[in-house]
Amino acid sequence: MQNPSFSRQPAPSVLFITLDSCRYDSFVSANLPVLRRIGKVYCTQAPGNFTYSSHMAMFMGFTPGDAQSRITGVNPKYGKLFRMDQGGIAGKGKEYFLLQGRNIVDGFSRKGYRTIGTGAVAWFNPETETAGNLIADFQRFYYPGDPCVTWTLPQQLRWLAEQLNDCSSPVFAFLNVGETHVPYYFEGAPWSSEDNPCIPFGENNDAEASRRRQILALEWVDRQLAPLLDAFSESTVIVCADHGDCWGEDGLWEHGISHQKVLEVPLLFRIGKTP
């Protein structure tokens, strides 16, 4: 598969990528030359323990954070990457983007940004009423269309290329990556997509297979993202996970539970020109 080509985006643009279910220890163990160029990797706590709750919080400016940090963006309590003007008090550090509106998507739209997004997992399915709370404020949103299939990055990147190559204004682009979500499968992986090693209350789960497959999925994703990240080389880029997964710790599996391994996620970002 040949990666799509992307035109360079105006410097005030913002790219926000969430690696669904990606554990911090998986991220730091993987060979990720493309993503690592963005900046330092921080070990942070997610604002939610499953996709919907975490993205709702992040779209209000509460991105993953380290409560001990005194760095804007690393600790949202100290200083947010995105702060809603009426969304709580300001921190000690200056925020990077001060926005007005229902959420950060609406806020960027009000600033004249073109807002486009694409989500891999079923919480972003526009055929469900619940997805409306996540996607309604995007000017354009793409969901690949199968709630049982999360490994859809090639389709998502092709759609993003079509949208970005036809855009002259600054953009706020959002990408939710599903290859790192159970069953940790990606296009061409040497195992079956029907073989899920991490099932809540499952009897045949495999922690080592889960770890190995998520790391390999991450490394595959890293290669696919290179052209997209190049297009935003002069812009603000944020990459994080929305939550992690348990792989047998304390007898628990997957996410939707407030366990340390579910809440421990990677965060890295680079701030470009801001309005």
Protein backbone atom coordinates (compact mmCIF):
# COMPACT_ATOMS: atom_id res chain seq x y z
CA MET A 1 0.00 0.00 0.00
CA GLN A 2 1.37 3.41 -0.95
CA ASN A 3 0.86 6.16 1.57
CA PRO A 4 -1.18 9.13 0.33
CA SER A 5 0.60 12.43 -0.21
CA PHE A 6 -0.31 15.53 1.79
CA SER A 7 0.17 19.19 1.00
CA ARG A 8 1.92 21.30 3.64
CA GLN A 9 -0.53 22.89 6.06
CA PRO A 10 -0.44 26.55 7.15
CA ALA A 11 1.66 27.07 10.29
CA PRO A 12 -1.24 27.95 12.66
CA SER A 13 -2.82 24.54 11.95
CA VAL A 14 -3.26 21.87 14.63
CA LEU A 15 -3.06 18.08 14.33
CA PHE A 16 -4.42 16.04 17.24
CA ILE A 17 -3.86 12.26 17.12
CA THR A 18 -5.13 9.73 19.65
CA LEU A 19 -3.69 6.22 19.65
CA ASP A 20 -6.64 4.29 20.96
CA SER A 21 -5.89 2.02 23.94
CA CYS A 22 -2.12 2.53 23.68
CA ARG A 23 -0.25 1.77 26.89
CA TYR A 24 2.65 3.99 27.92
CA ASP A 25 5.00 1.00 28.29
CA SER A 26 4.12 -0.16 24.78
CA PHE A 27 4.91 3.27 23.36
CA VAL A 28 8.32 3.60 25.00
CA SER A 29 9.24 0.01 24.05
CA ALA A 30 8.38 0.45 20.37
CA ASN A 31 10.68 1.68 17.60
CA LEU A 32 8.89 4.89 16.57
CA PRO A 33 11.29 7.19 14.69
CA VAL A 34 8.50 9.25 13.11
CA LEU A 35 6.45 9.92 16.23
CA ARG A 36 9.53 10.43 18.40
CA ARG A 37 10.53 13.41 16.27
CA ILE A 38 7.55 15.33 17.65
CA GLY A 39 9.11 15.76 21.09
CA LYS A 40 9.69 14.28 24.51
CA VAL A 41 7.42 11.43 25.59
CA TYR A 42 5.70 12.08 28.91
CA CYS A 43 4.12 9.47 31.16
CA THR A 44 0.69 10.88 31.95
CA GLN A 45 -2.72 9.92 33.28
CA ALA A 46 -5.66 9.81 30.90
CA PRO A 47 -8.77 11.83 31.85
CA GLY A 48 -11.00 8.80 31.27
CA ASN A 49 -10.81 5.02 31.22
CA PHE A 50 -12.60 4.43 27.92
CA THR A 51 -12.78 6.15 24.54
CA TYR A 52 -15.93 8.22 24.98
CA SER A 53 -15.21 9.67 28.41
CA SER A 54 -11.59 10.44 27.60
CA HIS A 55 -12.32 12.17 24.30
CA MET A 56 -15.16 14.19 25.81
CA ALA A 57 -12.72 15.45 28.44
CA MET A 58 -9.96 16.11 25.90
CA PHE A 59 -12.34 18.04 23.67
CA MET A 60 -12.91 20.29 26.70
CA GLY A 61 -9.17 20.82 27.07
CA PHE A 62 -8.42 18.18 29.69
CA THR A 63 -5.74 16.24 27.82
CA PRO A 64 -3.69 13.55 29.61
CA GLY A 65 -1.46 15.02 32.29
CA ASP A 66 1.16 14.61 34.97
CA ALA A 67 -0.15 16.29 38.12
CA GLN A 68 3.39 16.82 39.44
CA SER A 69 4.58 18.73 36.38
CA ARG A 70 4.91 22.48 36.10
CA ILE A 71 4.90 22.51 32.32
CA THR A 72 2.01 23.87 30.28
CA GLY A 73 0.51 21.03 28.28
CA VAL A 74 2.08 18.32 30.40
CA ASN A 75 -0.11 19.22 33.36
CA PRO A 76 -3.49 20.68 32.27
CA LYS A 77 -4.11 21.82 35.85
CA TYR A 78 -1.02 24.01 35.58
CA GLY A 79 -1.56 25.17 32.00
CA LYS A 80 -3.64 23.68 29.20
CA LEU A 81 -2.84 23.05 25.57
CA PHE A 82 -6.44 24.11 24.87
CA ARG A 83 -8.49 26.06 27.39
CA MET A 84 -12.15 26.87 27.02
CA ASP A 85 -12.69 30.50 28.02
CA GLN A 86 -15.61 29.52 30.28
CA GLY A 87 -14.36 26.04 31.13
CA GLY A 88 -12.96 26.51 34.62
CA ILE A 89 -10.30 28.76 36.06
CA ALA A 90 -6.97 29.41 34.38
CA GLY A 91 -3.91 27.56 35.64
CA LYS A 92 -0.59 28.99 36.74
CA GLY A 93 0.91 28.55 33.28
CA LYS A 94 -0.28 30.32 30.15
CA GLU A 95 -2.41 28.15 27.87
CA TYR A 96 -1.41 27.78 24.23
CA PHE A 97 -4.89 28.10 22.72
CA LEU A 98 -7.71 30.03 24.41
CA LEU A 99 -11.00 29.08 22.80
CA GLN A 100 -14.66 30.01 23.07
CA GLY A 101 -17.58 27.75 22.28
CA ARG A 102 -19.04 24.36 23.13
CA ASN A 103 -15.70 22.53 22.95
CA ILE A 104 -12.29 22.86 21.30
CA VAL A 105 -13.64 21.79 17.90
CA ASP A 106 -16.28 24.50 17.95
CA GLY A 107 -13.68 26.88 19.36
CA PHE A 108 -11.30 26.39 16.46
CA SER A 109 -14.16 26.72 14.01
CA ARG A 110 -15.06 30.09 15.51
CA LYS A 111 -11.46 31.18 14.99
CA GLY A 112 -11.78 30.48 11.26
CA TYR A 113 -10.17 27.04 11.23
CA ARG A 114 -11.48 24.28 9.05
CA THR A 115 -12.28 21.43 11.44
CA ILE A 116 -12.00 17.89 10.11
CA GLY A 117 -11.84 14.61 11.97
CA THR A 118 -11.88 10.86 11.57
CA GLY A 119 -12.36 8.14 14.19
CA ALA A 120 -11.70 4.43 13.94
CA VAL A 121 -13.63 3.01 16.88
CA ALA A 122 -17.37 2.64 17.19
CA TRP A 123 -17.84 5.55 19.59
CA PHE A 124 -17.37 7.78 16.52
CA ASN A 125 -20.04 6.03 14.45
CA PRO A 126 -22.37 8.79 13.16
CA GLU A 127 -25.24 6.32 12.94
CA THR A 128 -25.41 6.27 16.74
CA GLU A 129 -26.86 9.08 18.82
CA THR A 130 -24.02 8.90 21.33
CA ALA A 131 -21.44 9.79 18.67
CA GLY A 132 -23.10 13.15 18.18
CA ASN A 133 -21.57 14.47 21.38
CA LEU A 134 -18.11 13.74 19.98
CA ILE A 135 -18.40 14.59 16.30
CA ALA A 136 -21.28 17.05 15.76
CA ASP A 137 -19.08 20.15 15.85
CA PHE A 138 -16.65 19.00 13.16
CA GLN A 139 -17.34 20.61 9.81
CA ARG A 140 -16.46 17.29 8.20
CA PHE A 141 -16.08 13.92 9.89
CA TYR A 142 -15.29 10.47 8.51
CA TYR A 143 -16.01 7.12 10.11
CA PRO A 144 -14.96 4.08 8.04
CA GLY A 145 -18.23 2.34 8.79
CA ASP A 146 -17.82 -1.02 10.51
CA PRO A 147 -18.20 -1.13 14.32
CA CYS A 148 -16.42 -4.50 14.40
CA VAL A 149 -13.34 -3.29 12.51
CA THR A 150 -10.92 -0.82 14.08
CA TRP A 151 -7.90 -1.29 11.80
CA THR A 152 -8.80 1.38 9.24
CA LEU A 153 -5.86 3.81 9.18
CA PRO A 154 -5.21 3.52 5.40
CA GLN A 155 -8.79 4.60 4.60
CA GLN A 156 -8.65 7.38 7.18
CA LEU A 157 -5.37 8.74 5.79
CA ARG A 158 -6.71 8.73 2.23
CA TRP A 159 -9.75 10.70 3.40
CA LEU A 160 -7.60 13.15 5.33
CA ALA A 161 -5.40 13.69 2.28
CA GLU A 162 -8.45 14.56 0.18
CA GLN A 163 -9.62 17.06 2.79
CA LEU A 164 -6.25 18.65 3.50
CA ASN A 165 -5.13 18.91 -0.11
CA ASP A 166 -8.24 20.98 -0.84
CA CYS A 167 -7.75 23.44 2.01
CA SER A 168 -6.00 26.81 2.06
CA SER A 169 -7.10 27.97 5.54
CA PRO A 170 -5.62 26.77 8.84
CA VAL A 171 -7.08 23.44 9.98
CA PHE A 172 -7.79 21.61 13.18
CA ALA A 173 -7.41 17.97 12.17
CA PHE A 174 -8.25 15.09 14.49
CA LEU A 175 -7.31 11.44 13.94
CA ASN A 176 -8.29 8.53 16.19
CA VAL A 177 -6.14 5.48 15.36
CA GLY A 178 -7.70 2.07 15.95
CA GLU A 179 -4.89 -0.37 15.15
CA THR A 180 -3.66 -0.11 18.76
CA HIS A 181 -7.12 -1.03 20.08
CA VAL A 182 -8.01 -4.68 20.70
CA PRO A 183 -7.52 -7.02 18.90
CA TYR A 184 -4.24 -5.17 18.08
CA TYR A 185 -4.45 -5.83 14.37
CA PHE A 186 -3.16 -3.93 11.36
CA GLU A 187 -3.22 -4.43 7.59
CA GLY A 188 -0.91 -7.32 6.72
CA ALA A 189 -0.35 -8.46 10.31
CA PRO A 190 0.85 -12.11 10.49
CA TRP A 191 -2.04 -13.19 12.73
CA SER A 192 -5.79 -13.34 12.36
CA SER A 193 -7.91 -10.30 13.14
CA GLU A 194 -10.33 -12.71 14.81
CA ASP A 195 -7.70 -13.74 17.36
CA ASN A 196 -8.13 -11.34 20.28
CA PRO A 197 -5.64 -11.94 23.13
CA CYS A 198 -7.30 -9.43 25.49
CA ILE A 199 -10.97 -10.04 26.31
CA PRO A 200 -12.64 -8.98 29.56
CA PHE A 201 -13.30 -12.12 31.64
CA GLY A 202 -11.73 -14.18 28.84
CA GLU A 203 -10.38 -17.64 29.56
CA ASN A 204 -7.59 -17.71 26.97
CA ASN A 205 -6.07 -14.25 27.22
CA ASP A 206 -2.37 -13.77 26.59
CA ALA A 207 -0.49 -10.83 28.08
CA GLU A 208 2.69 -11.43 26.09
CA ALA A 209 0.80 -11.67 22.81
CA SER A 210 -1.11 -8.48 23.69
CA ARG A 211 2.12 -6.61 24.39
CA ARG A 212 3.91 -7.87 21.30
CA ARG A 213 0.99 -7.17 18.99
CA GLN A 214 0.31 -3.68 20.29
CA ILE A 215 3.99 -2.77 19.88
CA LEU A 216 4.05 -4.12 16.33
CA ALA A 217 0.81 -2.28 15.54
CA LEU A 218 2.36 0.93 16.87
CA GLU A 219 5.45 0.50 14.70
CA TRP A 220 3.27 -0.08 11.65
CA VAL A 221 1.20 3.02 12.47
CA ASP A 222 4.40 5.05 12.87
CA ARG A 223 5.40 4.30 9.27
CA GLN A 224 1.97 5.17 7.91
CA LEU A 225 1.85 8.52 9.70
CA ALA A 226 5.07 9.90 8.21
CA PRO A 227 3.51 11.86 5.28
CA LEU A 228 0.76 13.31 7.48
CA LEU A 229 3.21 14.50 10.13
CA ASP A 230 5.47 15.97 7.45
CA ALA A 231 2.51 18.06 6.26
CA PHE A 232 2.19 19.50 9.77
CA SER A 233 5.93 20.01 10.32
CA GLU A 234 5.46 23.72 11.04
CA SER A 235 2.24 23.31 12.99
CA THR A 236 1.13 22.27 16.44
CA VAL A 237 0.99 18.48 16.82
CA ILE A 238 -0.34 16.57 19.83
CA VAL A 239 -0.19 12.78 20.10
CA CYS A 240 -1.49 10.81 23.06
CA ALA A 241 -3.54 7.78 24.00
CA ASP A 242 -7.07 8.08 25.29
CA HIS A 243 -6.45 5.22 27.74
CA GLY A 244 -4.49 2.00 28.00
CA ASP A 245 -5.44 -1.62 28.63
CA CYS A 246 -4.92 -4.07 31.48
CA TRP A 247 -3.09 -7.23 30.49
CA GLY A 248 -3.78 -9.41 33.48
CA GLU A 249 -2.65 -6.97 36.17
CA ASP A 250 -4.70 -7.72 39.29
CA GLY A 251 -6.60 -10.24 37.20
CA LEU A 252 -8.04 -7.51 34.95
CA TRP A 253 -8.18 -7.24 31.17
CA GLU A 254 -8.85 -4.47 28.65
CA HIS A 255 -10.22 -1.02 29.62
CA GLY A 256 -13.29 0.72 31.04
CA ILE A 257 -11.84 0.27 34.53
CA SER A 258 -9.86 2.80 36.57
CA HIS A 259 -6.67 0.80 36.94
CA GLN A 260 -3.19 2.31 36.82
CA LYS A 261 -2.33 0.56 33.55
CA VAL A 262 -5.55 1.77 31.94
CA LEU A 263 -4.92 5.37 32.97
CA GLU A 264 -1.16 5.44 32.24
CA VAL A 265 -0.68 6.80 28.70
CA PRO A 266 1.95 8.50 26.53
CA LEU A 267 1.78 12.19 25.64
CA LEU A 268 4.04 14.12 23.29
CA PHE A 269 3.54 17.43 21.53
CA ARG A 270 5.16 20.20 19.58
CA ILE A 271 3.79 23.74 19.62
CA GLY A 272 3.90 25.60 16.34
CA LYS A 273 2.71 29.09 15.57
CA THR A 274 -0.42 30.06 17.49
CA PRO A 275 -2.98 32.71 16.45
